[in-house]
Full PDB file with SEQRES, HELIX, SHEET, SSBOND, CRYST1, ORIGX, SCALE, CONECT and MASTER records, all heavy atoms in Angstrom:
SEQRES   1 A   43  ASN PRO ASP ASN PHE ASP THR GLY LEU ALA ARG ARG CYS          
SEQRES   2 A   43  LEU PRO PRO MET SER ALA ASP VAL LEU GLU ALA ASP GLY          
SEQRES   3 A   43  GLU TYR ARG SER ILE THR THR GLU LEU GLN GLU VAL GLN          
SEQRES   4 A   43  THR ARG ARG ASN                                              
HELIX    1 AA1 PRO A    2  ARG A   11  1                                  10    
HELIX    2 AA2 SER A   18  ARG A   42  1                                  25    
CRYST1    1.000    1.000    1.000  90.00  90.00  90.00 P 1           1          
ORIGX1      1.000000  0.000000  0.000000        0.00000                         
ORIGX2      0.000000  1.000000  0.000000        0.00000                         
ORIGX3      0.000000  0.000000  1.000000        0.00000                         
SCALE1      1.000000  0.000000  0.000000        0.00000                         
SCALE2      0.000000  1.000000  0.000000        0.00000                         
SCALE3      0.000000  0.000000  1.000000        0.00000                         
ATOM      1  N   ASN A   1      10.653   2.261  -3.342  1.00  0.00           N  
ATOM      2  CA  ASN A   1      11.746   2.586  -2.425  1.00  0.00           C  
ATOM      3  C   ASN A   1      11.200   3.127  -1.111  1.00  0.00           C  
ATOM      4  O   ASN A   1      11.269   4.325  -0.837  1.00  0.00           O  
ATOM      5  CB  ASN A   1      12.705   3.594  -3.059  1.00  0.00           C  
ATOM      6  CG  ASN A   1      14.093   3.489  -2.447  1.00  0.00           C  
ATOM      7  OD1 ASN A   1      14.244   3.211  -1.253  1.00  0.00           O  
ATOM      8  ND2 ASN A   1      15.119   3.718  -3.261  1.00  0.00           N  
ATOM      9  N   PRO A   2      10.662   2.238  -0.279  1.00  0.00           N  
ATOM     10  CA  PRO A   2      10.085   2.687   0.996  1.00  0.00           C  
ATOM     11  C   PRO A   2      11.109   3.311   1.932  1.00  0.00           C  
ATOM     12  O   PRO A   2      10.771   4.202   2.716  1.00  0.00           O  
ATOM     13  CB  PRO A   2       9.487   1.406   1.580  1.00  0.00           C  
ATOM     14  CG  PRO A   2      10.213   0.282   0.902  1.00  0.00           C  
ATOM     15  CD  PRO A   2      10.515   0.776  -0.472  1.00  0.00           C  
ATOM     16  N   ASP A   3      12.358   2.846   1.853  1.00  0.00           N  
ATOM     17  CA  ASP A   3      13.387   3.401   2.734  1.00  0.00           C  
ATOM     18  C   ASP A   3      13.630   4.880   2.444  1.00  0.00           C  
ATOM     19  O   ASP A   3      13.826   5.675   3.370  1.00  0.00           O  
ATOM     20  CB  ASP A   3      14.686   2.617   2.597  1.00  0.00           C  
ATOM     21  CG  ASP A   3      14.595   1.219   3.194  1.00  0.00           C  
ATOM     22  OD1 ASP A   3      13.675   0.979   4.015  1.00  0.00           O  
ATOM     23  OD2 ASP A   3      15.431   0.364   2.839  1.00  0.00           O  
ATOM     24  N   ASN A   4      13.640   5.246   1.156  1.00  0.00           N  
ATOM     25  CA  ASN A   4      13.815   6.652   0.802  1.00  0.00           C  
ATOM     26  C   ASN A   4      12.686   7.506   1.350  1.00  0.00           C  
ATOM     27  O   ASN A   4      12.895   8.635   1.808  1.00  0.00           O  
ATOM     28  CB  ASN A   4      13.891   6.812  -0.718  1.00  0.00           C  
ATOM     29  CG  ASN A   4      15.276   6.547  -1.271  1.00  0.00           C  
ATOM     30  OD1 ASN A   4      16.197   6.206  -0.519  1.00  0.00           O  
ATOM     31  ND2 ASN A   4      15.445   6.693  -2.581  1.00  0.00           N  
ATOM     32  N   PHE A   5      11.467   6.986   1.291  1.00  0.00           N  
ATOM     33  CA  PHE A   5      10.307   7.707   1.807  1.00  0.00           C  
ATOM     34  C   PHE A   5      10.446   7.943   3.309  1.00  0.00           C  
ATOM     35  O   PHE A   5      10.251   9.061   3.797  1.00  0.00           O  
ATOM     36  CB  PHE A   5       9.044   6.910   1.497  1.00  0.00           C  
ATOM     37  CG  PHE A   5       7.772   7.574   1.932  1.00  0.00           C  
ATOM     38  CD1 PHE A   5       7.311   8.716   1.301  1.00  0.00           C  
ATOM     39  CD2 PHE A   5       7.013   7.052   2.973  1.00  0.00           C  
ATOM     40  CE1 PHE A   5       6.134   9.330   1.694  1.00  0.00           C  
ATOM     41  CE2 PHE A   5       5.831   7.650   3.371  1.00  0.00           C  
ATOM     42  CZ  PHE A   5       5.390   8.786   2.729  1.00  0.00           C  
ATOM     43  N   ASP A   6      10.809   6.896   4.038  1.00  0.00           N  
ATOM     44  CA  ASP A   6      10.960   7.024   5.488  1.00  0.00           C  
ATOM     45  C   ASP A   6      12.125   7.938   5.850  1.00  0.00           C  
ATOM     46  O   ASP A   6      12.061   8.686   6.837  1.00  0.00           O  
ATOM     47  CB  ASP A   6      11.151   5.646   6.121  1.00  0.00           C  
ATOM     48  CG  ASP A   6       9.878   4.835   6.157  1.00  0.00           C  
ATOM     49  OD1 ASP A   6       8.785   5.436   6.067  1.00  0.00           O  
ATOM     50  OD2 ASP A   6       9.955   3.588   6.270  1.00  0.00           O  
ATOM     51  N   THR A   7      13.192   7.892   5.051  1.00  0.00           N  
ATOM     52  CA  THR A   7      14.318   8.785   5.287  1.00  0.00           C  
ATOM     53  C   THR A   7      13.901  10.241   5.125  1.00  0.00           C  
ATOM     54  O   THR A   7      14.297  11.110   5.908  1.00  0.00           O  
ATOM     55  CB  THR A   7      15.480   8.455   4.333  1.00  0.00           C  
ATOM     56  OG1 THR A   7      15.941   7.121   4.569  1.00  0.00           O  
ATOM     57  CG2 THR A   7      16.646   9.419   4.534  1.00  0.00           C  
ATOM     58  N   GLY A   8      13.091  10.512   4.094  1.00  0.00           N  
ATOM     59  CA  GLY A   8      12.591  11.860   3.876  1.00  0.00           C  
ATOM     60  C   GLY A   8      11.733  12.346   5.023  1.00  0.00           C  
ATOM     61  O   GLY A   8      11.843  13.498   5.461  1.00  0.00           O  
ATOM     62  N   LEU A   9      10.872  11.472   5.540  1.00  0.00           N  
ATOM     63  CA  LEU A   9      10.044  11.835   6.682  1.00  0.00           C  
ATOM     64  C   LEU A   9      10.911  12.080   7.917  1.00  0.00           C  
ATOM     65  O   LEU A   9      10.648  13.006   8.700  1.00  0.00           O  
ATOM     66  CB  LEU A   9       9.024  10.732   6.969  1.00  0.00           C  
ATOM     67  CG  LEU A   9       7.924  10.521   5.926  1.00  0.00           C  
ATOM     68  CD1 LEU A   9       7.014   9.375   6.347  1.00  0.00           C  
ATOM     69  CD2 LEU A   9       7.094  11.785   5.718  1.00  0.00           C  
ATOM     70  N   ALA A  10      11.933  11.252   8.089  1.00  0.00           N  
ATOM     71  CA  ALA A  10      12.823  11.413   9.239  1.00  0.00           C  
ATOM     72  C   ALA A  10      13.526  12.765   9.219  1.00  0.00           C  
ATOM     73  O   ALA A  10      13.747  13.375  10.269  1.00  0.00           O  
ATOM     74  CB  ALA A  10      13.850  10.285   9.270  1.00  0.00           C  
ATOM     75  N   ARG A  11      13.858  13.240   8.030  1.00  0.00           N  
ATOM     76  CA  ARG A  11      14.488  14.559   7.909  1.00  0.00           C  
ATOM     77  C   ARG A  11      13.528  15.666   8.326  1.00  0.00           C  
ATOM     78  O   ARG A  11      13.961  16.767   8.654  1.00  0.00           O  
ATOM     79  CB  ARG A  11      14.982  14.774   6.486  1.00  0.00           C  
ATOM     80  CG  ARG A  11      16.089  13.806   6.075  1.00  0.00           C  
ATOM     81  CD  ARG A  11      16.494  14.004   4.628  1.00  0.00           C  
ATOM     82  NE  ARG A  11      17.173  15.265   4.447  1.00  0.00           N  
ATOM     83  CZ  ARG A  11      17.031  16.067   3.397  1.00  0.00           C  
ATOM     84  NH1 ARG A  11      16.187  15.718   2.444  1.00  0.00           N  
ATOM     85  NH2 ARG A  11      17.679  17.216   3.312  1.00  0.00           N  
ATOM     86  N   ARG A  12      12.241  15.393   8.312  1.00  0.00           N  
ATOM     87  CA  ARG A  12      11.229  16.319   8.814  1.00  0.00           C  
ATOM     88  C   ARG A  12      10.886  16.032  10.278  1.00  0.00           C  
ATOM     89  O   ARG A  12       9.911  16.562  10.793  1.00  0.00           O  
ATOM     90  CB  ARG A  12       9.963  16.239   7.968  1.00  0.00           C  
ATOM     91  CG  ARG A  12      10.020  17.045   6.653  1.00  0.00           C  
ATOM     92  CD  ARG A  12       8.678  17.281   6.153  1.00  0.00           C  
ATOM     93  NE  ARG A  12       8.534  18.026   4.942  1.00  0.00           N  
ATOM     94  CZ  ARG A  12       8.016  19.269   4.883  1.00  0.00           C  
ATOM     95  NH1 ARG A  12       7.669  19.892   5.985  1.00  0.00           N  
ATOM     96  NH2 ARG A  12       7.874  19.854   3.712  1.00  0.00           N  
ATOM     97  N   CYS A  13      11.656  15.172  10.895  1.00  0.00           N  
ATOM     98  CA  CYS A  13      11.448  14.794  12.296  1.00  0.00           C  
ATOM     99  C   CYS A  13      10.123  14.050  12.486  1.00  0.00           C  
ATOM    100  O   CYS A  13       9.452  14.198  13.512  1.00  0.00           O  
ATOM    101  CB  CYS A  13      11.501  16.020  13.217  1.00  0.00           C  
ATOM    102  SG  CYS A  13      13.050  16.953  13.109  1.00  0.00           S  
ATOM    103  N   LEU A  14       9.749  13.242  11.487  1.00  0.00           N  
ATOM    104  CA  LEU A  14       8.535  12.446  11.537  1.00  0.00           C  
ATOM    105  C   LEU A  14       8.889  10.966  11.560  1.00  0.00           C  
ATOM    106  O   LEU A  14       9.920  10.552  11.028  1.00  0.00           O  
ATOM    107  CB  LEU A  14       7.644  12.741  10.327  1.00  0.00           C  
ATOM    108  CG  LEU A  14       7.068  14.156  10.239  1.00  0.00           C  
ATOM    109  CD1 LEU A  14       6.350  14.361   8.916  1.00  0.00           C  
ATOM    110  CD2 LEU A  14       6.116  14.426  11.400  1.00  0.00           C  
ATOM    111  N   PRO A  15       8.034  10.133  12.175  1.00  0.00           N  
ATOM    112  CA  PRO A  15       8.306   8.693  12.246  1.00  0.00           C  
ATOM    113  C   PRO A  15       8.120   8.023  10.889  1.00  0.00           C  
ATOM    114  O   PRO A  15       7.453   8.570  10.005  1.00  0.00           O  
ATOM    115  CB  PRO A  15       7.270   8.197  13.258  1.00  0.00           C  
ATOM    116  CG  PRO A  15       6.133   9.171  13.131  1.00  0.00           C  
ATOM    117  CD  PRO A  15       6.777  10.502  12.861  1.00  0.00           C  
ATOM    118  N   PRO A  16       8.687   6.831  10.689  1.00  0.00           N  
ATOM    119  CA  PRO A  16       8.497   6.107   9.425  1.00  0.00           C  
ATOM    120  C   PRO A  16       7.034   5.735   9.226  1.00  0.00           C  
ATOM    121  O   PRO A  16       6.334   5.387  10.181  1.00  0.00           O  
ATOM    122  CB  PRO A  16       9.391   4.868   9.590  1.00  0.00           C  
ATOM    123  CG  PRO A  16       9.546   4.687  11.070  1.00  0.00           C  
ATOM    124  CD  PRO A  16       9.530   6.075  11.650  1.00  0.00           C  
ATOM    125  N   MET A  17       6.596   5.797   7.976  1.00  0.00           N  
ATOM    126  CA  MET A  17       5.201   5.512   7.656  1.00  0.00           C  
ATOM    127  C   MET A  17       5.038   4.527   6.515  1.00  0.00           C  
ATOM    128  O   MET A  17       3.926   4.101   6.224  1.00  0.00           O  
ATOM    129  CB  MET A  17       4.484   6.816   7.295  1.00  0.00           C  
ATOM    130  CG  MET A  17       4.195   7.735   8.465  1.00  0.00           C  
ATOM    131  SD  MET A  17       2.974   7.040   9.592  1.00  0.00           S  
ATOM    132  CE  MET A  17       1.521   6.956   8.544  1.00  0.00           C  
ATOM    133  N   SER A  18       6.128   4.139   5.864  1.00  0.00           N  
ATOM    134  CA  SER A  18       6.006   3.317   4.664  1.00  0.00           C  
ATOM    135  C   SER A  18       5.345   1.972   4.957  1.00  0.00           C  
ATOM    136  O   SER A  18       4.524   1.500   4.162  1.00  0.00           O  
ATOM    137  CB  SER A  18       7.371   3.103   4.010  1.00  0.00           C  
ATOM    138  OG  SER A  18       8.232   2.344   4.843  1.00  0.00           O  
ATOM    139  N   ALA A  19       5.674   1.354   6.099  1.00  0.00           N  
ATOM    140  CA  ALA A  19       5.115   0.042   6.421  1.00  0.00           C  
ATOM    141  C   ALA A  19       3.599   0.115   6.551  1.00  0.00           C  
ATOM    142  O   ALA A  19       2.874  -0.735   6.020  1.00  0.00           O  
ATOM    143  CB  ALA A  19       5.745  -0.505   7.705  1.00  0.00           C  
ATOM    144  N   ASP A  20       3.099   1.147   7.257  1.00  0.00           N  
ATOM    145  CA  ASP A  20       1.657   1.300   7.435  1.00  0.00           C  
ATOM    146  C   ASP A  20       0.973   1.595   6.102  1.00  0.00           C  
ATOM    147  O   ASP A  20      -0.097   1.042   5.799  1.00  0.00           O  
ATOM    148  CB  ASP A  20       1.362   2.422   8.431  1.00  0.00           C  
ATOM    149  CG  ASP A  20       1.798   2.080   9.851  1.00  0.00           C  
ATOM    150  OD1 ASP A  20       1.954   0.877  10.149  1.00  0.00           O  
ATOM    151  OD2 ASP A  20       1.973   3.018  10.656  1.00  0.00           O  
ATOM    152  N   VAL A  21       1.592   2.481   5.320  1.00  0.00           N  
ATOM    153  CA  VAL A  21       1.011   2.837   4.022  1.00  0.00           C  
ATOM    154  C   VAL A  21       0.966   1.620   3.106  1.00  0.00           C  
ATOM    155  O   VAL A  21      -0.057   1.345   2.465  1.00  0.00           O  
ATOM    156  CB  VAL A  21       1.811   3.977   3.365  1.00  0.00           C  
ATOM    157  CG1 VAL A  21       1.337   4.205   1.920  1.00  0.00           C  
ATOM    158  CG2 VAL A  21       1.672   5.265   4.162  1.00  0.00           C  
ATOM    159  N   LEU A  22       2.070   0.873   3.040  1.00  0.00           N  
ATOM    160  CA  LEU A  22       2.143  -0.264   2.134  1.00  0.00           C  
ATOM    161  C   LEU A  22       1.256  -1.426   2.583  1.00  0.00           C  
ATOM    162  O   LEU A  22       0.752  -2.180   1.749  1.00  0.00           O  
ATOM    163  CB  LEU A  22       3.594  -0.724   1.984  1.00  0.00           C  
ATOM    164  CG  LEU A  22       4.511   0.268   1.264  1.00  0.00           C  
ATOM    165  CD1 LEU A  22       5.935  -0.261   1.207  1.00  0.00           C  
ATOM    166  CD2 LEU A  22       3.996   0.553  -0.146  1.00  0.00           C  
ATOM    167  N   GLU A  23       1.050  -1.560   3.890  1.00  0.00           N  
ATOM    168  CA  GLU A  23       0.128  -2.590   4.370  1.00  0.00           C  
ATOM    169  C   GLU A  23      -1.288  -2.305   3.888  1.00  0.00           C  
ATOM    170  O   GLU A  23      -1.984  -3.202   3.381  1.00  0.00           O  
ATOM    171  CB  GLU A  23       0.159  -2.660   5.893  1.00  0.00           C  
ATOM    172  CG  GLU A  23      -0.761  -3.746   6.465  1.00  0.00           C  
ATOM    173  CD  GLU A  23      -0.751  -3.782   7.980  1.00  0.00           C  
ATOM    174  OE1 GLU A  23      -0.045  -2.945   8.600  1.00  0.00           O  
ATOM    175  OE2 GLU A  23      -1.451  -4.642   8.569  1.00  0.00           O  
ATOM    176  N   ALA A  24      -1.719  -1.069   4.046  1.00  0.00           N  
ATOM    177  CA  ALA A  24      -3.051  -0.683   3.577  1.00  0.00           C  
ATOM    178  C   ALA A  24      -3.134  -0.756   2.052  1.00  0.00           C  
ATOM    179  O   ALA A  24      -4.128  -1.217   1.486  1.00  0.00           O  
ATOM    180  CB  ALA A  24      -3.393   0.721   4.066  1.00  0.00           C  
ATOM    181  N   ASP A  25      -2.076  -0.319   1.390  1.00  0.00           N  
ATOM    182  CA  ASP A  25      -2.037  -0.386  -0.067  1.00  0.00           C  
ATOM    183  C   ASP A  25      -2.091  -1.832  -0.555  1.00  0.00           C  
ATOM    184  O   ASP A  25      -2.754  -2.143  -1.558  1.00  0.00           O  
ATOM    185  CB  ASP A  25      -0.777   0.300  -0.591  1.00  0.00           C  
ATOM    186  CG  ASP A  25      -0.633   0.207  -2.100  1.00  0.00           C  
ATOM    187  OD1 ASP A  25      -1.522   0.712  -2.818  1.00  0.00           O  
ATOM    188  OD2 ASP A  25       0.370  -0.394  -2.553  1.00  0.00           O  
ATOM    189  N   GLY A  26      -1.398  -2.735   0.155  1.00  0.00           N  
ATOM    190  CA  GLY A  26      -1.430  -4.142  -0.217  1.00  0.00           C  
ATOM    191  C   GLY A  26      -2.824  -4.730  -0.105  1.00  0.00           C  
ATOM    192  O   GLY A  26      -3.253  -5.517  -0.965  1.00  0.00           O  
ATOM    193  N   GLU A  27      -3.529  -4.348   0.958  1.00  0.00           N  
ATOM    194  CA  GLU A  27      -4.897  -4.815   1.120  1.00  0.00           C  
ATOM    195  C   GLU A  27      -5.787  -4.283   0.000  1.00  0.00           C  
ATOM    196  O   GLU A  27      -6.625  -5.003  -0.535  1.00  0.00           O  
ATOM    197  CB  GLU A  27      -5.451  -4.391   2.480  1.00  0.00           C  
ATOM    198  CG  GLU A  27      -6.846  -4.938   2.748  1.00  0.00           C  
ATOM    199  CD  GLU A  27      -7.377  -4.592   4.138  1.00  0.00           C  
ATOM    200  OE1 GLU A  27      -6.631  -3.970   4.928  1.00  0.00           O  
ATOM    201  OE2 GLU A  27      -8.542  -4.932   4.421  1.00  0.00           O  
ATOM    202  N   TYR A  28      -5.582  -3.022  -0.366  1.00  0.00           N  
ATOM    203  CA  TYR A  28      -6.355  -2.427  -1.449  1.00  0.00           C  
ATOM    204  C   TYR A  28      -6.112  -3.163  -2.764  1.00  0.00           C  
ATOM    205  O   TYR A  28      -7.057  -3.479  -3.500  1.00  0.00           O  
ATOM    206  CB  TYR A  28      -5.990  -0.950  -1.598  1.00  0.00           C  
ATOM    207  CG  TYR A  28      -6.634  -0.278  -2.789  1.00  0.00           C  
ATOM    208  CD1 TYR A  28      -7.954   0.161  -2.731  1.00  0.00           C  
ATOM    209  CD2 TYR A  28      -5.931  -0.104  -3.979  1.00  0.00           C  
ATOM    210  CE1 TYR A  28      -8.561   0.764  -3.821  1.00  0.00           C  
ATOM    211  CE2 TYR A  28      -6.532   0.497  -5.073  1.00  0.00           C  
ATOM    212  CZ  TYR A  28      -7.838   0.929  -4.993  1.00  0.00           C  
ATOM    213  OH  TYR A  28      -8.441   1.520  -6.082  1.00  0.00           O  
ATOM    214  N   ARG A  29      -4.881  -3.455  -3.057  1.00  0.00           N  
ATOM    215  CA  ARG A  29      -4.544  -4.143  -4.302  1.00  0.00           C  
ATOM    216  C   ARG A  29      -5.094  -5.567  -4.313  1.00  0.00           C  
ATOM    217  O   ARG A  29      -5.553  -6.061  -5.344  1.00  0.00           O  
ATOM    218  CB  ARG A  29      -3.034  -4.143  -4.505  1.00  0.00           C  
ATOM    219  CG  ARG A  29      -2.461  -2.737  -4.661  1.00  0.00           C  
ATOM    220  CD  ARG A  29      -0.957  -2.736  -4.616  1.00  0.00           C  
ATOM    221  NE  ARG A  29      -0.373  -3.215  -5.851  1.00  0.00           N  
ATOM    222  CZ  ARG A  29       0.919  -3.453  -6.039  1.00  0.00           C  
ATOM    223  NH1 ARG A  29       1.760  -3.301  -5.036  1.00  0.00           N  
ATOM    224  NH2 ARG A  29       1.369  -3.869  -7.202  1.00  0.00           N  
ATOM    225  N   SER A  30      -5.050  -6.222  -3.150  1.00  0.00           N  
ATOM    226  CA  SER A  30      -5.581  -7.574  -3.046  1.00  0.00           C  
ATOM    227  C   SER A  30      -7.090  -7.586  -3.283  1.00  0.00           C  
ATOM    228  O   SER A  30      -7.621  -8.443  -4.008  1.00  0.00           O  
ATOM    229  CB  SER A  30      -5.259  -8.164  -1.672  1.00  0.00           C  
ATOM    230  OG  SER A  30      -5.824  -9.436  -1.503  1.00  0.00           O  
ATOM    231  N   ILE A  31      -7.774  -6.635  -2.670  1.00  0.00           N  
ATOM    232  CA  ILE A  31      -9.221  -6.524  -2.858  1.00  0.00           C  
ATOM    233  C   ILE A  31      -9.545  -6.224  -4.318  1.00  0.00           C  
ATOM    234  O   ILE A  31     -10.484  -6.788  -4.890  1.00  0.00           O  
ATOM    235  CB  ILE A  31      -9.798  -5.440  -1.933  1.00  0.00           C  
ATOM    236  CG1 ILE A  31      -9.735  -5.905  -0.472  1.00  0.00           C  
ATOM    237  CG2 ILE A  31     -11.244  -5.114  -2.323  1.00  0.00           C  
ATOM    238  CD1 ILE A  31     -10.086  -4.823   0.523  1.00  0.00           C  
ATOM    239  N   THR A  32      -8.758  -5.339  -4.929  1.00  0.00           N  
ATOM    240  CA  THR A  32      -8.976  -4.984  -6.328  1.00  0.00           C  
ATOM    241  C   THR A  32      -8.830  -6.211  -7.233  1.00  0.00           C  
ATOM    242  O   THR A  32      -9.624  -6.420  -8.149  1.00  0.00           O  
ATOM    243  CB  THR A  32      -7.998  -3.879  -6.762  1.00  0.00           C  
ATOM    244  OG1 THR A  32      -8.200  -2.713  -5.942  1.00  0.00           O  
ATOM    245  CG2 THR A  32      -8.207  -3.509  -8.227  1.00  0.00           C  
ATOM    246  N   THR A  33      -7.807  -7.033  -6.947  1.00  0.00           N  
ATOM    247  CA  THR A  33      -7.601  -8.253  -7.726  1.00  0.00           C  
ATOM    248  C   THR A  33      -8.777  -9.216  -7.575  1.00  0.00           C  
ATOM    249  O   THR A  33      -9.293  -9.760  -8.562  1.00  0.00           O  
ATOM    250  CB  THR A  33      -6.299  -8.949  -7.298  1.00  0.00           C  
ATOM    251  OG1 THR A  33      -5.193  -8.079  -7.530  1.00  0.00           O  
ATOM    252  CG2 THR A  33      -6.096 -10.246  -8.079  1.00  0.00           C  
ATOM    253  N   GLU A  34      -9.204  -9.419  -6.323  1.00  0.00           N  
ATOM    254  CA  GLU A  34     -10.337 -10.312  -6.093  1.00  0.00           C  
ATOM    255  C   GLU A  34     -11.604  -9.781  -6.752  1.00  0.00           C  
ATOM    256  O   GLU A  34     -12.392 -10.542  -7.311  1.00  0.00           O  
ATOM    257  CB  GLU A  34     -10.573 -10.510  -4.596  1.00  0.00           C  
ATOM    258  CG  GLU A  34     -11.702 -11.512  -4.308  1.00  0.00           C  
ATOM    259  CD  GLU A  34     -11.985 -11.709  -2.834  1.00  0.00           C  
ATOM    260  OE1 GLU A  34     -11.240 -11.157  -2.004  1.00  0.00           O  
ATOM    261  OE2 GLU A  34     -12.972 -12.413  -2.520  1.00  0.00           O  
ATOM    262  N   LEU A  35     -11.813  -8.490  -6.679  1.00  0.00           N  
ATOM    263  CA  LEU A  35     -12.990  -7.889  -7.290  1.00  0.00           C  
ATOM    264  C   LEU A  35     -13.009  -8.135  -8.798  1.00  0.00           C  
ATOM    265  O   LEU A  35     -14.053  -8.443  -9.380  1.00  0.00           O  
ATOM    266  CB  LEU A  35     -13.031  -6.385  -6.991  1.00  0.00           C  
ATOM    267  CG  LEU A  35     -14.257  -5.601  -7.475  1.00  0.00           C  
ATOM    268  CD1 LEU A  35     -15.542  -6.171  -6.877  1.00  0.00           C  
ATOM    269  CD2 LEU A  35     -14.118  -4.121  -7.099  1.00  0.00           C  
ATOM    270  N   GLN A  36     -11.852  -8.018  -9.426  1.00  0.00           N  
ATOM    271  CA  GLN A  36     -11.766  -8.282 -10.857  1.00  0.00           C  
ATOM    272  C   GLN A  36     -12.071  -9.743 -11.171  1.00  0.00           C  
ATOM    273  O   GLN A  36     -12.766 -10.042 -12.150  1.00  0.00           O  
ATOM    274  CB  GLN A  36     -10.375  -7.906 -11.363  1.00  0.00           C  
ATOM    275  CG  GLN A  36     -10.092  -6.408 -11.347  1.00  0.00           C  
ATOM    276  CD  GLN A  36      -8.642  -6.069 -11.604  1.00  0.00           C  
ATOM    277  OE1 GLN A  36      -7.758  -6.942 -11.536  1.00  0.00           O  
ATOM    278  NE2 GLN A  36      -8.380  -4.801 -11.906  1.00  0.00           N  
ATOM    279  N   GLU A  37     -11.544 -10.634 -10.316  1.00  0.00           N  
ATOM    280  CA  GLU A  37     -11.787 -12.064 -10.520  1.00  0.00           C  
ATOM    281  C   GLU A  37     -13.264 -12.403 -10.357  1.00  0.00           C  
ATOM    282  O   GLU A  37     -13.840 -13.175 -11.140  1.00  0.00           O  
ATOM    283  CB  GLU A  37     -10.944 -12.876  -9.540  1.00  0.00           C  
ATOM    284  CG  GLU A  37      -9.444 -12.801  -9.814  1.00  0.00           C  
ATOM    285  CD  GLU A  37      -8.635 -13.446  -8.713  1.00  0.00           C  
ATOM    286  OE1 GLU A  37      -9.218 -13.755  -7.636  1.00  0.00           O  
ATOM    287  OE2 GLU A  37      -7.412 -13.634  -8.894  1.00  0.00           O  
ATOM    288  N   VAL A  38     -13.896 -11.825  -9.330  1.00  0.00           N  
ATOM    289  CA  VAL A  38     -15.318 -12.072  -9.091  1.00  0.00           C  
ATOM    290  C   VAL A  38     -16.146 -11.510 -10.239  1.00  0.00           C  
ATOM    291  O   VAL A  38     -17.117 -12.137 -10.691  1.00  0.00           O  
ATOM    292  CB  VAL A  38     -15.757 -11.465  -7.740  1.00  0.00           C  
ATOM    293  CG1 VAL A  38     -17.272 -11.557  -7.575  1.00  0.00           C  
ATOM    294  CG2 VAL A  38     -15.067 -12.176  -6.586  1.00  0.00           C  
ATOM    295  N   GLN A  39     -15.776 -10.332 -10.729  1.00  0.00           N  
ATOM    296  CA  GLN A  39     -16.471  -9.725 -11.852  1.00  0.00           C  
ATOM    297  C   GLN A  39     -16.389 -10.609 -13.094  1.00  0.00           C  
ATOM    298  O   GLN A  39     -17.382 -10.819 -13.801  1.00  0.00           O  
ATOM    299  CB  GLN A  39     -15.886  -8.343 -12.151  1.00  0.00           C  
ATOM    300  CG  GLN A  39     -16.506  -7.631 -13.354  1.00  0.00           C  
ATOM    301  CD  GLN A  39     -17.916  -7.165 -13.098  1.00  0.00           C  
ATOM    302  OE1 GLN A  39     -18.139  -6.369 -12.195  1.00  0.00           O  
ATOM    303  NE2 GLN A  39     -18.870  -7.642 -13.860  1.00  0.00           N  
ATOM    304  N   THR A  40     -15.197 -11.150 -13.335  1.00  0.00           N  
ATOM    305  CA  THR A  40     -15.011 -12.046 -14.486  1.00  0.00           C  
ATOM    306  C   THR A  40     -15.862 -13.303 -14.336  1.00  0.00           C  
ATOM    307  O   THR A  40     -16.524 -13.741 -15.294  1.00  0.00           O  
ATOM    308  CB  THR A  40     -13.530 -12.427 -14.625  1.00  0.00           C  
ATOM    309  OG1 THR A  40     -12.750 -11.242 -14.833  1.00  0.00           O  
ATOM    310  CG2 THR A  40     -13.327 -13.381 -15.796  1.00  0.00           C  
ATOM    311  N   ARG A  41     -15.851 -13.901 -13.125  1.00  0.00           N  
ATOM    312  CA  ARG A  41     -16.647 -15.091 -12.876  1.00  0.00           C  
ATOM    313  C   ARG A  41     -18.131 -14.821 -13.038  1.00  0.00           C  
ATOM    314  O   ARG A  41     -18.866 -15.621 -13.637  1.00  0.00           O  
ATOM    315  CB  ARG A  41     -16.366 -15.595 -11.464  1.00  0.00           C  
ATOM    316  CG  ARG A  41     -17.223 -16.793 -11.027  1.00  0.00           C  
ATOM    317  CD  ARG A  41     -17.075 -17.960 -11.964  1.00  0.00           C  
ATOM    318  NE  ARG A  41     -17.993 -19.051 -11.571  1.00  0.00           N  
ATOM    319  CZ  ARG A  41     -18.389 -19.986 -12.381  1.00  0.00           C  
ATOM    320  NH1 ARG A  41     -17.991 -19.981 -13.670  1.00  0.00           N  
ATOM    321  NH2 ARG A  41     -19.208 -20.956 -11.969  1.00  0.00           N  
ATOM    322  N   ARG A  42     -18.580 -13.677 -12.567  1.00  0.00           N  
ATOM    323  CA  ARG A  42     -19.999 -13.322 -12.698  1.00  0.00           C  
ATOM    324  C   ARG A  42     -20.382 -13.151 -14.162  1.00  0.00           C  
ATOM    325  O   ARG A  42     -21.448 -13.613 -14.599  1.00  0.00           O  
ATOM    326  CB  ARG A  42     -20.282 -12.039 -11.926  1.00  0.00           C  
ATOM    327  CG  ARG A  42     -21.753 -11.626 -11.979  1.00  0.00           C  
ATOM    328  CD  ARG A  42     -21.940 -10.212 -11.459  1.00  0.00           C  
ATOM    329  NE  ARG A  42     -23.305  -9.769 -11.619  1.00  0.00           N  
ATOM    330  CZ  ARG A  42     -23.714  -8.516 -11.522  1.00  0.00           C  
ATOM    331  NH1 ARG A  42     -22.831  -7.574 -11.289  1.00  0.00           N  
ATOM    332  NH2 ARG A  42     -24.989  -8.205 -11.683  1.00  0.00           N  
ATOM    333  N   ASN A  43     -19.529 -12.490 -14.930  1.00  0.00           N  
ATOM    334  CA  ASN A  43     -19.821 -12.286 -16.356  1.00  0.00           C  
ATOM    335  C   ASN A  43     -19.897 -13.624 -17.089  1.00  0.00           C  
ATOM    336  O   ASN A  43     -20.789 -13.839 -17.926  1.00  0.00           O  
ATOM    337  CB  ASN A  43     -18.758 -11.396 -16.988  1.00  0.00           C  
ATOM    338  CG  ASN A  43     -18.828  -9.955 -16.491  1.00  0.00           C  
ATOM    339  OD1 ASN A  43     -19.841  -9.529 -15.935  1.00  0.00           O  
ATOM    340  ND2 ASN A  43     -17.742  -9.201 -16.679  1.00  0.00           N  
TER     341      ASN A  43                                                      
MASTER        0    0    0    2    0    0    0    6  340    1    0    4          
END                                                                             
């Protein structure tokens, strides 16, 4: 629920951050998946 997160930050007078966080998180998850695949192929 990224909207809830951004709403909470807005109540603290802070800008939305979910998009930036999830973009980096998506890259991390993608790398993790590829790393697992490469590890399997190497084994």
